N, C-alpha and C. Protein backbone atom coordinates (compact mmCIF):
# COMPACT_ATOMS: atom_id res chain seq x y z
N MET A 1 0.73 -0.99 -0.02
CA MET A 1 -0.02 0.16 0.03
C MET A 1 0.81 1.24 -0.07
N ALA A 2 0.59 2.21 -0.78
CA ALA A 2 1.36 3.36 -0.95
C ALA A 2 1.21 4.08 0.26
N ILE A 3 2.13 5.02 0.46
CA ILE A 3 2.31 5.93 1.63
C ILE A 3 0.99 6.91 1.85
N GLY A 4 0.55 7.40 0.50
CA GLY A 4 -0.57 8.45 0.45
C GLY A 4 -1.95 7.56 1.15
N LYS A 5 -2.11 6.27 0.72
CA LYS A 5 -3.40 5.52 1.07
C LYS A 5 -3.08 5.35 2.50
N LYS A 6 -2.11 4.93 3.06
CA LYS A 6 -1.92 4.83 4.46
C LYS A 6 -2.36 6.34 5.15
N LEU A 7 -1.66 7.04 4.84
CA LEU A 7 -1.83 8.51 5.58
C LEU A 7 -3.30 8.84 5.06
N SER A 8 -3.92 8.45 4.26
CA SER A 8 -5.33 8.90 4.09
C SER A 8 -6.11 8.25 5.05
N VAL A 9 -6.00 7.07 5.23
CA VAL A 9 -6.66 6.35 6.30
C VAL A 9 -6.50 6.69 7.81
N ILE A 10 -5.26 7.14 7.90
CA ILE A 10 -4.95 7.57 9.26
C ILE A 10 -5.39 8.90 9.46
N SER A 11 -5.45 9.73 8.58
CA SER A 11 -6.04 11.06 8.60
C SER A 11 -7.61 11.06 8.92
N GLY A 12 -8.17 10.03 8.13
CA GLY A 12 -9.80 9.91 8.27
C GLY A 12 -10.08 9.51 9.76
N ILE A 13 -9.23 8.51 10.17
CA ILE A 13 -9.71 7.93 11.49
C ILE A 13 -9.39 9.10 12.55
N ILE A 14 -8.29 9.85 12.43
CA ILE A 14 -8.05 10.80 13.35
C ILE A 14 -9.33 12.04 13.40
N THR A 15 -9.55 12.25 12.18
CA THR A 15 -10.77 13.27 12.20
C THR A 15 -12.01 12.59 12.67
N LEU A 16 -12.29 11.39 12.37
CA LEU A 16 -13.73 10.97 12.92
C LEU A 16 -13.33 10.88 14.24
N VAL A 17 -12.47 10.45 14.93
CA VAL A 17 -12.39 10.43 16.48
C VAL A 17 -12.37 11.80 17.06
N ALA A 18 -11.73 12.90 16.43
CA ALA A 18 -11.80 14.22 16.97
C ALA A 18 -13.28 14.79 16.71
N THR A 19 -13.96 14.34 15.77
CA THR A 19 -15.24 14.77 15.49
C THR A 19 -16.28 14.38 16.54
N PHE A 20 -16.35 12.98 16.79
CA PHE A 20 -17.38 12.46 17.51
C PHE A 20 -17.01 12.09 19.04
N LEU A 21 -15.92 11.89 19.26
CA LEU A 21 -15.37 11.39 20.53
C LEU A 21 -14.93 12.41 21.52
N PHE A 22 -14.18 13.61 20.98
CA PHE A 22 -13.66 14.65 21.70
C PHE A 22 -14.49 15.86 21.69
N SER A 23 -14.08 16.52 22.81
CA SER A 23 -15.01 17.87 22.76
C SER A 23 -13.83 19.00 22.28
N TRP A 24 -14.32 19.83 21.34
CA TRP A 24 -13.43 21.01 21.01
C TRP A 24 -13.43 22.18 21.80
N ILE A 25 -14.40 22.51 22.25
CA ILE A 25 -14.73 23.70 23.42
C ILE A 25 -15.65 23.26 24.43
N ALA A 26 -15.51 23.59 25.33
CA ALA A 26 -16.48 23.26 26.59
C ALA A 26 -16.77 24.57 27.35
N LEU A 27 -17.87 25.04 27.46
CA LEU A 27 -18.39 26.05 27.93
C LEU A 27 -19.75 25.85 29.09
N HIS A 28 -19.51 26.82 30.10
CA HIS A 28 -20.57 26.68 30.96
C HIS A 28 -21.64 27.98 30.76
N ILE A 29 -22.77 27.78 30.36
CA ILE A 29 -23.53 28.52 29.98
C ILE A 29 -24.95 28.38 30.63
N GLY A 30 -25.46 29.27 31.45
CA GLY A 30 -26.51 29.03 32.36
C GLY A 30 -26.65 27.78 33.22
N GLY A 31 -25.55 27.62 33.96
CA GLY A 31 -25.51 26.47 34.82
C GLY A 31 -25.39 25.00 34.19
N SER A 32 -25.24 25.17 32.82
CA SER A 32 -25.03 23.61 32.28
C SER A 32 -23.54 23.68 31.48
N GLY A 33 -23.12 22.71 31.28
CA GLY A 33 -21.96 22.42 30.57
C GLY A 33 -22.29 22.19 29.23
N TYR A 34 -21.80 22.85 27.92
CA TYR A 34 -22.01 22.53 26.71
C TYR A 34 -20.71 22.21 26.16
N TYR A 35 -20.87 21.25 25.44
CA TYR A 35 -19.69 20.53 24.45
C TYR A 35 -19.71 20.72 23.05
N ALA A 36 -18.92 21.35 22.53
CA ALA A 36 -18.80 21.44 20.90
C ALA A 36 -18.19 20.24 20.51
N ASN A 37 -18.95 19.53 19.71
CA ASN A 37 -18.49 18.34 19.09
C ASN A 37 -19.43 17.93 17.81
N GLY A 38 -19.08 17.07 17.15
CA GLY A 38 -19.99 16.46 16.14
C GLY A 38 -21.38 15.96 16.56
N ILE A 39 -21.56 15.41 17.46
CA ILE A 39 -22.80 15.10 18.09
C ILE A 39 -23.65 16.20 18.28
N GLY A 40 -23.07 17.43 18.79
CA GLY A 40 -23.89 18.55 18.92
C GLY A 40 -24.29 19.24 17.73
N ILE A 41 -23.59 19.12 16.60
CA ILE A 41 -23.81 19.36 15.07
C ILE A 41 -25.23 18.72 14.76
N ILE A 42 -24.99 17.31 15.01
CA ILE A 42 -26.21 16.45 14.42
C ILE A 42 -27.39 16.58 15.28
N LYS A 43 -27.23 16.96 16.50
CA LYS A 43 -28.46 17.27 17.55
C LYS A 43 -28.92 18.73 16.81
N ASN A 44 -28.38 19.65 16.66
CA ASN A 44 -28.92 20.83 16.05
C ASN A 44 -29.10 21.08 14.68
N LEU A 45 -28.84 19.96 13.84
CA LEU A 45 -28.82 20.23 12.48
C LEU A 45 -30.42 20.44 11.96
N PRO A 46 -31.14 19.82 12.52
CA PRO A 46 -32.64 19.85 12.16
C PRO A 46 -33.19 21.32 12.52
N ALA A 47 -32.79 21.99 13.42
CA ALA A 47 -33.04 23.50 13.95
C ALA A 47 -32.35 24.40 13.02
N MET A 48 -31.38 23.87 12.02
CA MET A 48 -30.55 24.87 11.25
C MET A 48 -31.28 25.11 10.17
N PHE A 49 -32.26 24.15 9.72
CA PHE A 49 -33.05 24.34 8.62
C PHE A 49 -34.57 24.68 8.87
N THR A 50 -35.20 24.17 9.93
CA THR A 50 -36.28 24.69 10.35
C THR A 50 -36.56 26.01 11.12
N ASP A 51 -35.34 26.42 11.66
CA ASP A 51 -35.47 27.72 12.50
C ASP A 51 -34.24 28.43 11.95
N ALA A 52 -33.91 28.57 10.72
CA ALA A 52 -32.97 29.22 10.39
C ALA A 52 -32.78 30.70 10.40
N GLU A 53 -34.01 31.43 10.30
CA GLU A 53 -34.19 32.75 10.29
C GLU A 53 -33.62 33.54 11.72
N SER A 54 -34.32 32.71 12.76
CA SER A 54 -33.72 33.16 14.11
C SER A 54 -32.66 32.90 14.44
N LEU A 55 -32.00 31.73 14.08
CA LEU A 55 -30.66 31.40 14.28
C LEU A 55 -29.71 32.21 13.73
N GLY A 56 -30.09 32.53 12.45
CA GLY A 56 -29.35 33.51 11.45
C GLY A 56 -29.26 34.85 12.13
N SER A 57 -30.37 35.22 12.74
CA SER A 57 -30.23 36.85 13.27
C SER A 57 -29.57 36.66 14.71
N THR A 58 -29.69 35.71 15.42
CA THR A 58 -29.04 35.41 16.67
C THR A 58 -27.44 35.57 16.56
N LEU A 59 -27.22 34.79 15.58
CA LEU A 59 -25.52 34.81 15.09
C LEU A 59 -25.24 35.99 14.31
N GLU A 60 -26.11 36.90 13.75
CA GLU A 60 -25.86 37.91 13.15
C GLU A 60 -25.33 37.30 11.43
N ILE A 61 -25.87 36.56 10.90
CA ILE A 61 -25.74 35.86 9.77
C ILE A 61 -26.88 36.00 8.88
N PRO A 62 -26.82 36.37 7.76
CA PRO A 62 -27.98 36.42 6.68
C PRO A 62 -28.43 34.82 6.52
N VAL A 63 -29.59 34.76 6.34
CA VAL A 63 -30.28 33.39 6.26
C VAL A 63 -29.84 32.67 4.96
N PHE A 64 -29.48 33.24 3.75
CA PHE A 64 -28.82 32.57 2.78
C PHE A 64 -27.61 31.87 3.11
N ALA A 65 -26.64 32.72 3.93
CA ALA A 65 -25.43 32.23 4.36
C ALA A 65 -25.55 31.28 5.35
N PHE A 66 -26.69 31.27 6.17
CA PHE A 66 -26.73 30.19 7.39
C PHE A 66 -27.02 28.92 6.61
N TYR A 67 -27.82 28.82 5.56
CA TYR A 67 -28.04 27.73 4.71
C TYR A 67 -26.78 27.13 4.17
N ILE A 68 -25.84 27.98 3.76
CA ILE A 68 -24.68 27.53 3.14
C ILE A 68 -23.86 26.90 4.40
N ILE A 69 -23.80 27.41 5.59
CA ILE A 69 -22.86 27.02 6.65
C ILE A 69 -23.79 25.73 7.07
N ALA A 70 -24.81 25.65 6.96
CA ALA A 70 -25.37 24.32 7.38
C ALA A 70 -24.91 22.87 6.51
N GLY A 71 -24.60 23.38 5.24
CA GLY A 71 -24.33 22.42 4.19
C GLY A 71 -22.97 22.10 4.45
N ILE A 72 -22.21 23.18 4.85
CA ILE A 72 -20.93 22.92 5.35
C ILE A 72 -20.62 22.03 6.46
N PHE A 73 -21.44 22.21 7.18
CA PHE A 73 -21.63 21.22 8.70
C PHE A 73 -21.92 19.82 8.18
N ILE A 74 -22.82 19.60 7.27
CA ILE A 74 -23.21 18.26 6.99
C ILE A 74 -22.04 17.61 6.11
N LEU A 75 -21.18 18.41 5.41
CA LEU A 75 -19.97 17.89 4.58
C LEU A 75 -18.97 17.73 5.62
N PHE A 76 -18.99 18.45 6.65
CA PHE A 76 -17.86 18.25 7.79
C PHE A 76 -18.23 16.92 8.55
N LEU A 77 -19.19 16.66 8.76
CA LEU A 77 -19.65 15.36 9.50
C LEU A 77 -19.13 14.05 8.82
N ALA A 78 -19.00 14.38 7.43
CA ALA A 78 -18.61 13.26 6.37
C ALA A 78 -17.11 13.57 6.19
N SER A 79 -16.42 14.28 6.49
CA SER A 79 -15.08 14.45 6.16
C SER A 79 -14.01 13.54 6.42
N GLY A 80 -14.33 12.94 7.81
CA GLY A 80 -13.62 11.77 8.00
C GLY A 80 -13.56 10.54 7.05
N VAL A 81 -14.83 10.37 6.71
CA VAL A 81 -15.26 9.22 5.58
C VAL A 81 -14.57 9.73 4.47
N LEU A 82 -14.61 10.81 4.03
CA LEU A 82 -14.22 11.38 2.70
C LEU A 82 -12.67 11.12 2.64
N GLN A 83 -11.93 11.54 3.91
CA GLN A 83 -10.44 11.36 3.86
C GLN A 83 -10.14 9.84 3.66
N ILE A 84 -10.91 8.93 4.37
CA ILE A 84 -10.75 7.45 4.31
C ILE A 84 -10.81 7.09 2.81
N LEU A 85 -12.09 7.65 2.30
CA LEU A 85 -12.11 7.19 0.82
C LEU A 85 -11.14 7.89 -0.10
N GLY A 86 -10.03 8.62 0.51
CA GLY A 86 -8.90 9.31 -0.58
C GLY A 86 -8.04 8.16 -0.68
N MET A 87 -8.05 6.90 -0.16
CA MET A 87 -7.15 5.79 -0.68
C MET A 87 -7.44 5.33 -1.98
N LYS A 88 -8.67 5.78 -2.57
CA LYS A 88 -9.05 5.31 -3.79
C LYS A 88 -8.86 6.34 -4.82
N HIS A 89 -9.09 7.66 -4.38
CA HIS A 89 -8.86 8.70 -5.27
C HIS A 89 -8.51 10.23 -4.43
N ARG A 90 -7.63 10.96 -4.98
CA ARG A 90 -6.91 11.93 -4.14
C ARG A 90 -7.78 13.00 -3.98
N ALA A 91 -8.94 13.18 -4.79
CA ALA A 91 -10.01 14.33 -4.71
C ALA A 91 -10.51 14.21 -3.11
N PHE A 92 -10.91 13.02 -2.80
CA PHE A 92 -11.73 12.84 -1.59
C PHE A 92 -11.01 13.45 -0.44
N VAL A 93 -9.80 13.04 -0.25
CA VAL A 93 -8.96 13.37 0.88
C VAL A 93 -8.72 14.92 0.95
N ILE A 94 -8.58 15.53 -0.40
CA ILE A 94 -8.43 17.06 -0.36
C ILE A 94 -9.80 17.47 -0.02
N VAL A 95 -10.73 17.34 -0.59
CA VAL A 95 -11.95 17.77 -0.02
C VAL A 95 -12.43 17.66 1.62
N GLY A 96 -12.32 16.30 2.18
CA GLY A 96 -12.34 16.16 3.53
C GLY A 96 -11.38 17.00 4.34
N THR A 97 -10.22 17.17 3.99
CA THR A 97 -9.26 17.94 4.67
C THR A 97 -9.41 19.37 4.66
N ILE A 98 -9.73 20.01 3.61
CA ILE A 98 -10.40 21.20 3.35
C ILE A 98 -11.57 21.70 4.36
N VAL A 99 -12.23 20.93 4.29
CA VAL A 99 -13.78 21.07 5.26
C VAL A 99 -13.36 20.79 6.71
N SER A 100 -12.57 19.92 7.07
CA SER A 100 -11.99 19.68 8.27
C SER A 100 -11.35 20.78 9.03
N LEU A 101 -10.33 21.39 8.10
CA LEU A 101 -9.50 22.35 8.43
C LEU A 101 -10.23 23.61 8.62
N GLY A 102 -11.17 23.79 7.62
CA GLY A 102 -12.09 24.99 7.86
C GLY A 102 -12.91 25.28 9.11
N ILE A 103 -13.49 24.06 9.66
CA ILE A 103 -14.06 24.04 10.66
C ILE A 103 -13.33 24.37 11.96
N ALA A 104 -11.96 23.91 11.71
CA ALA A 104 -11.06 23.92 13.01
C ALA A 104 -10.63 25.51 12.85
N ILE A 105 -10.42 25.81 11.70
CA ILE A 105 -10.07 27.64 11.57
C ILE A 105 -11.29 28.37 12.11
N LEU A 106 -12.63 27.93 11.70
CA LEU A 106 -13.84 28.55 12.53
C LEU A 106 -13.67 28.67 14.00
N LEU A 107 -13.25 27.51 14.46
CA LEU A 107 -13.38 27.46 16.26
C LEU A 107 -12.08 28.32 16.72
N MET A 108 -10.89 28.53 15.68
CA MET A 108 -9.74 29.20 16.26
C MET A 108 -10.42 30.88 16.30
N LEU A 109 -11.11 31.08 15.29
CA LEU A 109 -11.47 32.51 15.04
C LEU A 109 -12.26 32.68 16.27
N SER A 110 -12.92 31.96 16.99
CA SER A 110 -13.74 32.32 18.27
C SER A 110 -12.78 32.85 19.67
N MET A 111 -11.63 32.19 19.23
CA MET A 111 -10.64 32.69 20.50
C MET A 111 -10.13 34.03 20.10
N ALA A 112 -10.10 34.43 18.79
CA ALA A 112 -9.68 35.82 18.55
C ALA A 112 -10.95 36.78 18.59
N ASP A 113 -12.14 36.32 19.19
CA ASP A 113 -13.46 37.17 19.17
C ASP A 113 -13.79 37.77 17.81
N VAL A 114 -13.58 37.10 16.99
CA VAL A 114 -14.13 37.30 15.44
C VAL A 114 -15.55 36.78 15.52
N ILE A 115 -15.80 35.65 15.81
CA ILE A 115 -17.17 35.18 15.96
C ILE A 115 -17.34 34.97 17.67
N ASP A 116 -18.54 35.00 18.02
CA ASP A 116 -19.11 34.75 19.53
C ASP A 116 -19.10 33.19 19.89
N LYS A 117 -18.29 32.94 20.39
CA LYS A 117 -17.98 31.64 20.93
C LYS A 117 -19.15 31.02 21.46
N ALA A 118 -19.76 31.68 22.50
CA ALA A 118 -20.83 31.31 23.34
C ALA A 118 -22.15 30.70 22.50
N ASN A 119 -22.36 31.81 21.65
CA ASN A 119 -23.54 31.74 21.03
C ASN A 119 -23.56 30.44 19.86
N TRP A 120 -22.29 30.36 19.17
CA TRP A 120 -21.91 29.33 18.13
C TRP A 120 -22.10 27.95 18.89
N VAL A 121 -21.47 27.85 20.05
CA VAL A 121 -21.53 26.42 20.86
C VAL A 121 -22.80 26.24 21.60
N TYR A 122 -23.44 27.29 21.81
CA TYR A 122 -24.75 26.99 22.36
C TYR A 122 -25.91 26.56 21.33
N TYR A 123 -25.89 27.33 20.25
CA TYR A 123 -26.81 27.04 19.00
C TYR A 123 -26.55 25.97 18.16
N ILE A 124 -25.25 25.92 17.65
CA ILE A 124 -25.10 25.36 16.38
C ILE A 124 -24.13 23.96 16.99
N LEU A 125 -23.19 24.31 17.64
CA LEU A 125 -21.91 23.27 17.74
C LEU A 125 -22.02 22.44 18.90
N GLY A 126 -22.69 22.93 19.99
CA GLY A 126 -22.71 22.26 21.27
C GLY A 126 -23.97 21.44 21.51
N THR A 127 -23.68 20.62 22.55
CA THR A 127 -24.69 19.72 23.30
C THR A 127 -24.54 19.76 24.66
N ASP A 128 -25.60 19.70 25.57
CA ASP A 128 -25.48 19.52 26.99
C ASP A 128 -25.47 18.31 27.39
N GLU A 129 -25.81 17.28 26.44
CA GLU A 129 -26.13 15.74 26.77
C GLU A 129 -24.75 15.18 26.50
N LEU A 130 -24.33 14.26 27.48
CA LEU A 130 -23.28 13.67 27.29
C LEU A 130 -23.36 12.13 26.67
N LEU A 131 -22.56 11.70 25.84
CA LEU A 131 -22.56 10.45 25.34
C LEU A 131 -22.67 9.42 26.25
N ILE A 132 -21.39 9.54 27.07
CA ILE A 132 -21.19 8.45 27.91
C ILE A 132 -21.02 9.26 29.44
N GLU A 133 -21.57 9.55 30.37
CA GLU A 133 -21.42 10.33 31.64
C GLU A 133 -19.87 10.38 32.06
N ASN A 134 -19.47 11.54 32.00
CA ASN A 134 -18.16 11.78 32.42
C ASN A 134 -16.96 10.95 31.64
N ILE A 135 -17.29 10.57 30.46
CA ILE A 135 -16.31 9.97 29.65
C ILE A 135 -16.31 10.64 28.07
N ILE A 136 -17.44 10.52 27.47
CA ILE A 136 -17.44 11.03 26.19
C ILE A 136 -18.70 12.18 26.22
N PRO A 137 -18.25 13.38 25.35
CA PRO A 137 -16.91 13.56 24.81
C PRO A 137 -16.02 13.93 25.82
N ILE A 138 -14.84 13.34 25.27
CA ILE A 138 -13.63 13.67 26.20
C ILE A 138 -13.16 15.04 26.23
N THR A 139 -13.00 15.33 27.47
CA THR A 139 -12.79 16.92 27.83
C THR A 139 -11.37 17.02 28.72
N ILE A 140 -10.47 17.35 28.35
CA ILE A 140 -9.16 17.77 29.10
C ILE A 140 -8.88 18.96 29.76
N PHE A 141 -8.91 19.92 29.01
CA PHE A 141 -8.30 21.06 29.51
C PHE A 141 -9.52 21.94 30.13
N GLY A 142 -10.77 21.57 30.29
CA GLY A 142 -11.51 22.45 31.07
C GLY A 142 -12.43 23.40 30.34
N PRO A 143 -13.26 24.02 31.11
CA PRO A 143 -14.38 24.96 30.23
C PRO A 143 -13.55 26.12 29.81
N GLY A 144 -13.91 26.69 28.64
CA GLY A 144 -13.81 27.97 28.52
C GLY A 144 -12.41 27.99 27.44
N THR A 145 -11.65 26.95 27.15
CA THR A 145 -10.45 26.75 26.70
C THR A 145 -10.73 25.71 25.29
N PHE A 146 -9.77 25.74 24.43
CA PHE A 146 -9.92 24.82 23.36
C PHE A 146 -9.28 23.62 24.00
N ASP A 147 -10.21 22.40 23.62
CA ASP A 147 -9.63 21.18 23.84
C ASP A 147 -8.93 20.09 23.18
N ILE A 148 -8.56 19.07 23.38
CA ILE A 148 -7.84 18.31 22.79
C ILE A 148 -8.43 17.76 21.28
N GLY A 149 -9.85 17.94 21.40
CA GLY A 149 -10.57 17.53 20.16
C GLY A 149 -10.02 18.48 18.95
N LEU A 150 -9.89 19.66 19.26
CA LEU A 150 -9.58 20.74 18.34
C LEU A 150 -8.24 20.50 17.58
N TYR A 151 -7.33 20.01 18.44
CA TYR A 151 -5.98 19.85 17.91
C TYR A 151 -5.92 18.55 17.23
N LEU A 152 -6.58 17.65 17.81
CA LEU A 152 -6.97 16.43 16.85
C LEU A 152 -7.27 16.78 15.55
N LEU A 153 -8.37 17.49 15.37
CA LEU A 153 -8.97 18.06 14.20
C LEU A 153 -7.81 18.70 13.23
N TYR A 154 -7.28 19.41 13.89
CA TYR A 154 -5.90 19.87 13.20
C TYR A 154 -4.93 18.92 12.57
N ALA A 155 -4.68 17.94 13.55
CA ALA A 155 -3.48 17.09 13.08
C ALA A 155 -4.48 16.07 11.99
N GLY A 156 -5.56 15.91 12.08
CA GLY A 156 -6.17 14.86 10.88
C GLY A 156 -6.05 15.72 9.82
N GLY A 157 -6.22 17.12 9.94
CA GLY A 157 -6.23 18.05 8.58
C GLY A 157 -4.93 17.91 7.87
N ILE A 158 -3.74 18.05 8.83
CA ILE A 158 -2.30 18.05 8.46
C ILE A 158 -2.13 16.90 7.80
N VAL A 159 -2.45 15.61 8.39
CA VAL A 159 -2.00 14.41 7.78
C VAL A 159 -2.63 14.25 6.39
N GLY A 160 -4.00 14.84 6.31
CA GLY A 160 -4.57 14.75 5.03
C GLY A 160 -4.02 15.46 3.90
N ILE A 161 -3.53 16.59 4.34
CA ILE A 161 -2.76 17.39 3.40
C ILE A 161 -1.47 16.64 2.92
N VAL A 162 -0.70 15.91 3.79
CA VAL A 162 0.45 14.98 3.49
C VAL A 162 -0.27 13.98 2.27
N ALA A 163 -1.35 13.73 2.90
CA ALA A 163 -1.86 12.10 2.26
C ALA A 163 -2.32 12.80 0.56
N SER A 164 -2.67 14.06 0.72
CA SER A 164 -3.10 14.41 -0.88
C SER A 164 -1.88 14.68 -1.70
N VAL A 165 -0.84 14.81 -1.05
CA VAL A 165 0.48 15.20 -1.81
C VAL A 165 1.19 13.73 -2.05
N TYR A 166 0.97 12.70 -1.30
CA TYR A 166 1.40 11.28 -1.68
C TYR A 166 0.50 10.55 -2.12
N GLY A 167 -0.83 11.01 -2.69
CA GLY A 167 -2.00 10.36 -2.79
C GLY A 167 -1.79 9.10 -3.79
N PRO A 168 -2.93 8.28 -3.79
CA PRO A 168 -2.67 6.92 -4.72
C PRO A 168 -2.58 7.23 -6.09
N GLY A 169 -2.94 8.23 -6.37
CA GLY A 169 -2.64 8.36 -8.03
C GLY A 169 -3.03 9.81 -8.39
N PRO A 170 -3.30 9.90 -9.81
CA PRO A 170 -3.69 11.36 -10.17
C PRO A 170 -4.82 12.01 -9.81
N PHE A 171 -4.90 13.29 -10.04
CA PHE A 171 -6.23 14.06 -9.45
C PHE A 171 -7.44 13.50 -10.35
């Protein structure tokens, strides 16, 4: 197996683990803990389409742009699988990597106060329900800071970039 195929599978596994098992940001809002991760996106996905106008106004985003963001989040949920499919064709790993790194950059912008971290975690990215009590999502650094899941998401993206360079074949 070529190195690009191996790296494609590794990047996909890292991205899937970072998306669904680890917390990216943990916040305490209104006495509850909210954990931003892929499970929170899945939980909030129906509201992104049924309640787009009020969510868009709360997040100060036009409604048409909010629908585009919801589509990107759907693609993000599949980005780990796309990276694994990159072992067959290089384009899949490129698309999966771009989307996962884009979400990681969106989360980093919240640290620079370009976007309102609390509103995004509360309305779009987060959930207050734990998958397994005190275990999943895995939170290491505590509330209000970026957690290990965000760094794993970046790592999956970087490995995906390298996998796309050494891909299984031509574009």
